[in-house]
Protein backbone atom coordinates (compact mmCIF):
# COMPACT_ATOMS: atom_id res chain seq x y z
CA UNK A 1 10.58 -2.22 -85.63
CA UNK A 2 11.31 0.80 -87.83
CA UNK A 3 14.35 1.71 -85.73
CA UNK A 4 15.76 -1.82 -86.05
CA UNK A 5 15.25 -1.80 -89.81
CA UNK A 6 16.82 1.64 -90.15
CA UNK A 7 19.82 0.65 -88.01
CA UNK A 8 20.31 -2.55 -90.01
CA UNK A 9 20.13 -0.65 -93.31
CA UNK A 10 22.65 1.93 -92.11
CA UNK A 11 25.05 -0.76 -90.90
CA UNK A 12 24.83 -2.59 -94.23
CA UNK A 13 25.35 0.66 -96.15
CA UNK A 14 28.53 1.28 -94.16
CA UNK A 15 29.90 -2.11 -95.22
CA UNK A 16 29.33 -1.55 -98.95
CA UNK A 17 31.94 0.55 -100.77
CA UNK A 18 30.69 4.03 -101.67
CA UNK A 19 31.73 3.46 -105.29
CA UNK A 20 31.04 0.15 -106.93
CA UNK A 21 33.00 -0.42 -110.10
CA UNK A 22 31.00 0.02 -113.28
CA UNK A 23 32.36 -2.10 -116.11
CA UNK A 24 31.26 -0.75 -119.47
CA UNK A 25 31.03 -2.86 -122.64
CA UNK A 26 31.00 -0.16 -125.33
CA UNK A 27 34.41 1.31 -126.20
CA UNK A 28 33.09 4.50 -127.78
CA UNK A 29 30.93 5.22 -124.72
CA UNK A 30 33.87 4.43 -122.42
CA UNK A 31 36.19 6.77 -124.36
CA UNK A 32 33.57 9.54 -124.27
CA UNK A 33 33.14 9.12 -120.53
CA UNK A 34 36.92 9.03 -120.02
CA UNK A 35 37.34 12.27 -121.97
CA UNK A 36 34.61 13.98 -119.95
CA UNK A 37 36.15 12.81 -116.65
CA UNK A 38 39.81 13.32 -117.68
CA UNK A 39 40.65 9.64 -117.18
CA UNK A 40 42.15 6.77 -119.16
CA UNK A 41 40.21 3.63 -120.13
CA UNK A 42 41.29 0.35 -118.54
CA UNK A 43 40.16 -2.54 -120.74
CA UNK A 44 39.98 -6.10 -119.40
CA UNK A 45 40.05 -8.60 -122.27
CA UNK A 46 38.66 -11.78 -120.76
CA UNK A 47 37.16 -15.18 -121.41
CA UNK A 48 34.89 -15.19 -118.39
CA UNK A 49 33.55 -18.73 -118.71
CA UNK A 50 36.62 -20.64 -119.87
CA UNK A 51 39.79 -18.78 -118.86
CA UNK A 52 40.91 -19.71 -115.36
CA UNK A 53 43.45 -16.89 -115.19
CA UNK A 54 40.74 -14.40 -116.21
CA UNK A 55 38.46 -15.55 -113.40
CA UNK A 56 41.35 -15.42 -110.95
CA UNK A 57 42.39 -11.89 -112.00
CA UNK A 58 38.80 -10.71 -111.66
CA UNK A 59 38.28 -12.28 -108.21
CA UNK A 60 41.66 -11.54 -106.68
CA UNK A 61 42.30 -8.09 -108.13
CA UNK A 62 39.68 -6.34 -110.23
CA UNK A 63 36.67 -7.02 -107.97
CA UNK A 64 38.42 -6.05 -104.73
CA UNK A 65 37.61 -2.89 -102.78
CA UNK A 66 41.31 -1.92 -102.89
CA UNK A 67 41.36 -1.97 -106.71
CA UNK A 68 38.00 -0.21 -106.97
CA UNK A 69 39.27 2.50 -104.64
CA UNK A 70 42.46 2.90 -106.70
CA UNK A 71 40.68 2.87 -110.06
CA UNK A 72 37.75 5.18 -109.38
CA UNK A 73 39.72 8.40 -109.89
CA UNK A 74 42.01 7.13 -112.63
CA UNK A 75 40.09 4.91 -115.04
CA UNK A 76 36.86 4.27 -116.84
CA UNK A 77 36.59 0.48 -116.67
CA UNK A 78 35.67 -1.63 -119.67
CA UNK A 79 35.28 -5.37 -120.11
CA UNK A 80 35.77 -7.10 -123.45
CA UNK A 81 34.45 -10.61 -122.83
CA UNK A 82 34.89 -13.44 -125.34
CA UNK A 83 33.15 -16.37 -123.64
CA UNK A 84 32.43 -19.79 -125.13
CA UNK A 85 28.80 -19.68 -123.98
CA UNK A 86 26.62 -19.82 -127.13
CA UNK A 87 23.90 -17.81 -125.33
CA UNK A 88 26.20 -14.75 -125.08
CA UNK A 89 24.93 -11.79 -127.12
CA UNK A 90 26.19 -12.47 -130.67
CA UNK A 91 26.42 -8.79 -131.63
CA UNK A 92 28.45 -7.96 -128.52
CA UNK A 93 30.70 -10.97 -129.10
CA UNK A 94 31.38 -9.86 -132.71
CA UNK A 95 32.18 -6.34 -131.47
CA UNK A 96 34.47 -7.78 -128.78
CA UNK A 97 36.30 -10.04 -131.25
CA UNK A 98 36.83 -7.01 -133.49
CA UNK A 99 38.35 -5.12 -130.52
CA UNK A 100 40.66 -8.09 -129.87
CA UNK A 101 41.86 -7.84 -133.46
CA UNK A 102 42.14 -4.03 -133.32
CA UNK A 103 44.37 -4.15 -130.23
CA UNK A 104 46.19 -7.35 -131.27
CA UNK A 105 45.04 -9.35 -128.25
CA UNK A 106 46.38 -12.89 -128.57
CA UNK A 107 46.14 -14.14 -124.99
CA UNK A 108 43.78 -13.90 -122.06
CA UNK A 109 43.55 -12.15 -119.79
CA UNK A 110 45.02 -8.98 -121.26
CA UNK A 111 44.80 -5.60 -119.59
CA UNK A 112 45.11 -2.55 -121.76
CA UNK A 113 45.08 1.13 -120.83
CA UNK A 114 44.14 3.55 -123.59
CA UNK A 115 43.61 7.29 -123.87
CA UNK A 116 40.15 8.70 -124.62
CA UNK A 117 41.35 8.84 -128.25
CA UNK A 118 42.03 5.09 -128.16
CA UNK A 119 45.84 5.26 -128.17
CA UNK A 120 47.56 2.52 -126.19
CA UNK A 121 49.36 3.61 -123.03
CA UNK A 122 49.99 0.24 -121.37
CA UNK A 123 49.47 -3.44 -122.08
CA UNK A 124 49.95 -6.51 -119.89
CA UNK A 125 49.17 -10.12 -120.75
CA UNK A 126 48.70 -12.50 -117.83
CA UNK A 127 49.86 -14.78 -116.46
CA UNK A 128 53.38 -13.47 -116.44
CA UNK A 129 55.54 -16.51 -116.94
CA UNK A 130 58.90 -16.68 -115.28
CA UNK A 131 61.49 -19.04 -116.59
CA UNK A 132 64.12 -20.68 -114.44
CA UNK A 133 67.67 -19.84 -115.21
CA UNK A 134 70.04 -22.77 -114.97
């Protein structure tokens, strides 16, 4: 029985990525960690319970093993969530809304890459809309 359990555990461990993405929620802590690890901070501004594009970006890109593998050596990951759920931590929501103002976030989802000092390196607002040319 022990051998079966051990074999099953080892097989499951092989299927799970060695590095699971850790999404931080405190910018100062994320910047400190980024400085210590010589990385940038990738910030995902999201509305996790109301923004369809946010959910789609998370599922199809940010939560994939390919992205996690790419990001692990380059970024400290941070999520700034502004949900509609009234049960969401009010202090965290106020802090997140302040970050949206600080970085002039007007649409969701927005991805932002900043230095450990907080300076913006890259910004992308999704979805990217393409217009037809006539």
